[in-house]
């Protein structure tokens, strides 16, 4: 499981986050996106080192970059008007890597932060790069690009709320985590449905439409797995192991959803005038 999780996290650190930053604000976050591979490379290297002072130091440097990114979130929410659902989603995306970075420092130091097992801390890192950063970012993009309606707003509110509830469940207990999984699944399925119905047809070429279709379809299966695992933890019913979840839910969300979604949105925003490009402009911090 460790090797697979490390590969997934490396993908998130080195490519998904800087590509996502350019989708949020290619002008205002250009410097951050351009420099991000430097701390990300340190974070990626620390994953493959034995736990100890060197791995912890490299992880701390990456965490510092994540905290600097989180400091941008208030600018999204405090722009002289009540924050909308897309603003909340994007602010969540900017904050999420800092949670991942904090967990990474503790895990690399061998420190059971808040009493959590090191395996749980290790899995928190990919969770908040993908369910935190990427899912919230895509929910915000979808909310801006789609026609006004409850589906897109549900996605933009539910993904941040579900992510927060899952985090709260770490401290409160399995039933709270199950509630978070239900809310997050509802939000992700709303993202998938809106992407399929409204965003996919806007793609100007077959590749973009295929990437959007694939990302939407993958969410149906991967989030069912998340519900199954959370229900099993809360009720004791038979459910997948963490290793199996990493190989299915984790890998599916990383490659099938996050990678495909970010690639598709890069292609959509490169198409210039259009709904998707307008969506990117409206969520700039």
Foldseek 3Di string as FASTA:
>chain_A
DLVLLLVLLLCLQQPLVLLLQCLQPVPVCVVVSVCSNVLSVLQSVLSPDAQDDSSLVSLVSNLVSLVVQLVCLVCLCPVPDHHALLSQLQNQLSNLQNLLSVLSNCLSNVHCVVNNHSVVSSVSNSCSSQLGNQQSSLLSLLLQLFDDDDLSSLLSNQSSVLVVQLVVCVVPHLVSNLVSLVSNLSNLLSSLVSLLPPVLVLDPDPLLNVLSNQQSVLSVPLSVLVNQVSCCRVPVDDHDDPVVNCVRNVVSSSVRHSVSSSVSLVNSCVVPDDSSVVSSVVSHD
